[in-house]
C-alpha atoms as a PDB file:
ATOM      1  CA  MET A   1      -7.019 -12.500  44.509  1.00  0.00           C
ATOM      2  CA  SER A   2      -7.389 -13.955  41.007  1.00  0.00           C
ATOM      3  CA  PHE A   3      -4.507 -15.204  38.902  1.00  0.00           C
ATOM      4  CA  LEU A   4      -6.576 -15.547  35.747  1.00  0.00           C
ATOM      5  CA  PRO A   5      -5.113 -13.972  32.630  1.00  0.00           C
ATOM      6  CA  THR A   6      -6.541 -10.738  31.305  1.00  0.00           C
ATOM      7  CA  VAL A   7      -7.660 -10.760  27.705  1.00  0.00           C
ATOM      8  CA  THR A   8      -7.671  -7.526  25.769  1.00  0.00           C
ATOM      9  CA  ILE A   9      -9.487  -7.444  22.482  1.00  0.00           C
ATOM     10  CA  ILE A  10      -8.158  -4.909  20.023  1.00  0.00           C
ATOM     11  CA  SER A  11     -10.224  -4.022  17.005  1.00  0.00           C
ATOM     12  CA  MET A  12      -8.144  -3.968  13.855  1.00  0.00           C
ATOM     13  CA  LYS A  13      -8.703  -0.978  11.656  1.00  0.00           C
ATOM     14  CA  LYS A  14      -8.139  -1.312   7.949  1.00  0.00           C
ATOM     15  CA  ILE A  15      -7.016   1.657   5.930  1.00  0.00           C
ATOM     16  CA  GLY A  16      -7.014   1.710   2.152  1.00  0.00           C
ATOM     17  CA  ILE A  17      -4.544   3.961   0.376  1.00  0.00           C
ATOM     18  CA  THR A  18      -5.519   4.823  -3.178  1.00  0.00           C
ATOM     19  CA  GLY A  19      -4.226   7.139  -5.842  1.00  0.00           C
ATOM     20  CA  GLY A  20      -2.785   7.296  -9.297  1.00  0.00           C
ATOM     21  CA  ILE A  21       0.734   6.507 -10.397  1.00  0.00           C
ATOM     22  CA  GLY A  22       3.234   8.755  -8.613  1.00  0.00           C
ATOM     23  CA  SER A  23       0.709  10.030  -6.067  1.00  0.00           C
ATOM     24  CA  GLY A  24       2.693   8.894  -3.013  1.00  0.00           C
ATOM     25  CA  LYS A  25       0.974   5.656  -2.003  1.00  0.00           C
ATOM     26  CA  THR A  26       4.312   3.973  -1.364  1.00  0.00           C
ATOM     27  CA  VAL A  27       5.549   6.900   0.739  1.00  0.00           C
ATOM     28  CA  VAL A  28       2.414   6.769   2.905  1.00  0.00           C
ATOM     29  CA  SER A  29       2.665   2.972   3.213  1.00  0.00           C
ATOM     30  CA  ASN A  30       6.299   3.263   4.283  1.00  0.00           C
ATOM     31  CA  VAL A  31       5.368   5.784   6.978  1.00  0.00           C
ATOM     32  CA  PHE A  32       2.755   3.374   8.349  1.00  0.00           C
ATOM     33  CA  ARG A  33       5.197   0.457   8.062  1.00  0.00           C
ATOM     34  CA  GLY A  34       7.758   2.501   9.995  1.00  0.00           C
ATOM     35  CA  GLU A  35       5.190   2.935  12.771  1.00  0.00           C
ATOM     36  CA  GLY A  36       4.794  -0.845  13.029  1.00  0.00           C
ATOM     37  CA  PHE A  37       1.650  -1.322  10.960  1.00  0.00           C
ATOM     38  CA  SER A  38       1.207  -4.380   8.754  1.00  0.00           C
ATOM     39  CA  ILE A  39       0.922  -3.480   5.085  1.00  0.00           C
ATOM     40  CA  ILE A  40      -0.791  -5.472   2.365  1.00  0.00           C
ATOM     41  CA  ASP A  41       0.204  -4.047  -1.003  1.00  0.00           C
ATOM     42  CA  ALA A  42      -2.270  -4.849  -3.795  1.00  0.00           C
ATOM     43  CA  ASP A  43       0.487  -4.419  -6.397  1.00  0.00           C
ATOM     44  CA  VAL A  44       2.541  -7.113  -4.687  1.00  0.00           C
ATOM     45  CA  VAL A  45      -0.478  -9.401  -4.351  1.00  0.00           C
ATOM     46  CA  ALA A  46      -1.336  -8.864  -8.032  1.00  0.00           C
ATOM     47  CA  ARG A  47       2.099 -10.192  -8.941  1.00  0.00           C
ATOM     48  CA  GLN A  48       1.738 -13.147  -6.579  1.00  0.00           C
ATOM     49  CA  VAL A  49      -1.536 -14.370  -8.093  1.00  0.00           C
ATOM     50  CA  VAL A  50       0.071 -14.743 -11.543  1.00  0.00           C
ATOM     51  CA  GLU A  51       3.183 -16.618 -10.431  1.00  0.00           C
ATOM     52  CA  PRO A  52       3.990 -19.847 -12.289  1.00  0.00           C
ATOM     53  CA  GLY A  53       1.760 -22.679 -11.149  1.00  0.00           C
ATOM     54  CA  ARG A  54      -1.208 -20.468 -10.252  1.00  0.00           C
ATOM     55  CA  HIS A  55      -4.470 -21.265 -12.016  1.00  0.00           C
ATOM     56  CA  GLU A  56      -5.006 -17.551 -12.724  1.00  0.00           C
ATOM     57  CA  LEU A  57      -1.879 -17.572 -14.887  1.00  0.00           C
ATOM     58  CA  GLU A  58      -3.171 -20.593 -16.784  1.00  0.00           C
ATOM     59  CA  GLU A  59      -6.516 -18.870 -17.295  1.00  0.00           C
ATOM     60  CA  LEU A  60      -4.772 -15.750 -18.616  1.00  0.00           C
ATOM     61  CA  LYS A  61      -2.759 -17.892 -21.007  1.00  0.00           C
ATOM     62  CA  ASN A  62      -5.935 -19.640 -22.205  1.00  0.00           C
ATOM     63  CA  VAL A  63      -7.775 -16.347 -22.746  1.00  0.00           C
ATOM     64  CA  PHE A  64      -5.006 -14.123 -24.133  1.00  0.00           C
ATOM     65  CA  GLY A  65      -2.758 -16.733 -25.759  1.00  0.00           C
ATOM     66  CA  VAL A  66       0.750 -18.035 -25.213  1.00  0.00           C
ATOM     67  CA  GLU A  67       2.214 -14.767 -26.550  1.00  0.00           C
ATOM     68  CA  ILE A  68       1.705 -13.286 -23.056  1.00  0.00           C
ATOM     69  CA  MET A  69       4.197 -15.772 -21.673  1.00  0.00           C
ATOM     70  CA  GLN A  70       7.955 -15.473 -21.357  1.00  0.00           C
ATOM     71  CA  GLY A  71       9.044 -18.996 -20.597  1.00  0.00           C
ATOM     72  CA  ASN A  72       6.763 -20.164 -17.769  1.00  0.00           C
ATOM     73  CA  ALA A  73       6.227 -16.621 -16.438  1.00  0.00           C
ATOM     74  CA  LEU A  74       3.802 -13.897 -17.411  1.00  0.00           C
ATOM     75  CA  ASP A  75       5.160 -11.217 -19.730  1.00  0.00           C
ATOM     76  CA  ARG A  76       3.426  -8.303 -18.023  1.00  0.00           C
ATOM     77  CA  LYS A  77       4.495  -5.839 -20.700  1.00  0.00           C
ATOM     78  CA  LYS A  78       2.969  -7.924 -23.477  1.00  0.00           C
ATOM     79  CA  LEU A  79      -0.249  -8.459 -21.527  1.00  0.00           C
ATOM     80  CA  GLY A  80      -0.389  -4.725 -20.848  1.00  0.00           C
ATOM     81  CA  GLN A  81      -0.099  -3.959 -24.560  1.00  0.00           C
ATOM     82  CA  ILE A  82      -3.076  -6.221 -25.205  1.00  0.00           C
ATOM     83  CA  VAL A  83      -5.417  -5.070 -22.456  1.00  0.00           C
ATOM     84  CA  PHE A  84      -4.653  -1.356 -22.360  1.00  0.00           C
ATOM     85  CA  SER A  85      -5.584  -0.988 -26.038  1.00  0.00           C
ATOM     86  CA  ASP A  86      -8.908  -2.826 -25.662  1.00  0.00           C
ATOM     87  CA  SER A  87     -11.330  -2.002 -22.834  1.00  0.00           C
ATOM     88  CA  HIS A  88     -13.231  -5.274 -23.308  1.00  0.00           C
ATOM     89  CA  LYS A  89     -10.042  -7.307 -22.848  1.00  0.00           C
ATOM     90  CA  ARG A  90      -9.177  -5.180 -19.800  1.00  0.00           C
ATOM     91  CA  LYS A  91     -12.534  -6.108 -18.260  1.00  0.00           C
ATOM     92  CA  ILE A  92     -11.800  -9.772 -18.926  1.00  0.00           C
ATOM     93  CA  LEU A  93      -8.410  -9.414 -17.237  1.00  0.00           C
ATOM     94  CA  ASP A  94     -10.042  -7.714 -14.251  1.00  0.00           C
ATOM     95  CA  SER A  95     -12.675 -10.456 -14.003  1.00  0.00           C
ATOM     96  CA  ILE A  96      -9.915 -13.061 -13.769  1.00  0.00           C
ATOM     97  CA  LEU A  97      -7.533 -11.276 -11.416  1.00  0.00           C
ATOM     98  CA  GLN A  98      -9.612  -9.081  -9.124  1.00  0.00           C
ATOM     99  CA  PRO A  99     -11.349 -11.948  -7.276  1.00  0.00           C
ATOM    100  CA  ALA A 100      -7.998 -13.691  -6.730  1.00  0.00           C
ATOM    101  CA  ILE A 101      -6.344 -10.490  -5.521  1.00  0.00           C
ATOM    102  CA  ARG A 102      -9.227  -9.720  -3.172  1.00  0.00           C
ATOM    103  CA  GLN A 103      -9.230 -13.275  -1.762  1.00  0.00           C
ATOM    104  CA  ALA A 104      -5.463 -13.221  -1.181  1.00  0.00           C
ATOM    105  CA  MET A 105      -5.714  -9.853   0.566  1.00  0.00           C
ATOM    106  CA  LEU A 106      -8.550 -11.085   2.803  1.00  0.00           C
ATOM    107  CA  ILE A 107      -6.489 -14.128   3.772  1.00  0.00           C
ATOM    108  CA  GLN A 108      -3.571 -11.864   4.658  1.00  0.00           C
ATOM    109  CA  MET A 109      -5.862  -9.601   6.716  1.00  0.00           C
ATOM    110  CA  ASP A 110      -7.128 -12.624   8.641  1.00  0.00           C
ATOM    111  CA  TYR A 111      -3.531 -13.604   9.353  1.00  0.00           C
ATOM    112  CA  PHE A 112      -2.732 -10.148  10.752  1.00  0.00           C
ATOM    113  CA  GLN A 113      -5.724 -10.250  13.113  1.00  0.00           C
ATOM    114  CA  TYR A 114      -4.029 -12.901  15.267  1.00  0.00           C
END
């Protein structure tokens, strides 16, 4: 008779929930959360990567100017006014934030695998 521990390896599945504003992404996420699943919300991560002290925030300030700041925090409304009226500036914003958001989400996924 062996008293060695049994190791079970469970493959983590990743599910992406996409859709436009008001399409029900939050409702679906809450259902999964209620079933015990870990949720990584890209909207939450997008806010985290522009918190004061983050280099992404400094880069945004350098590119779009100090008028996007409210004190030491990002004025999201002001930045939105700038980038949503100019597709080139929107692409610049995406080039700054998307890699940081993706990296933060990958780090969180690695955390959930253990």
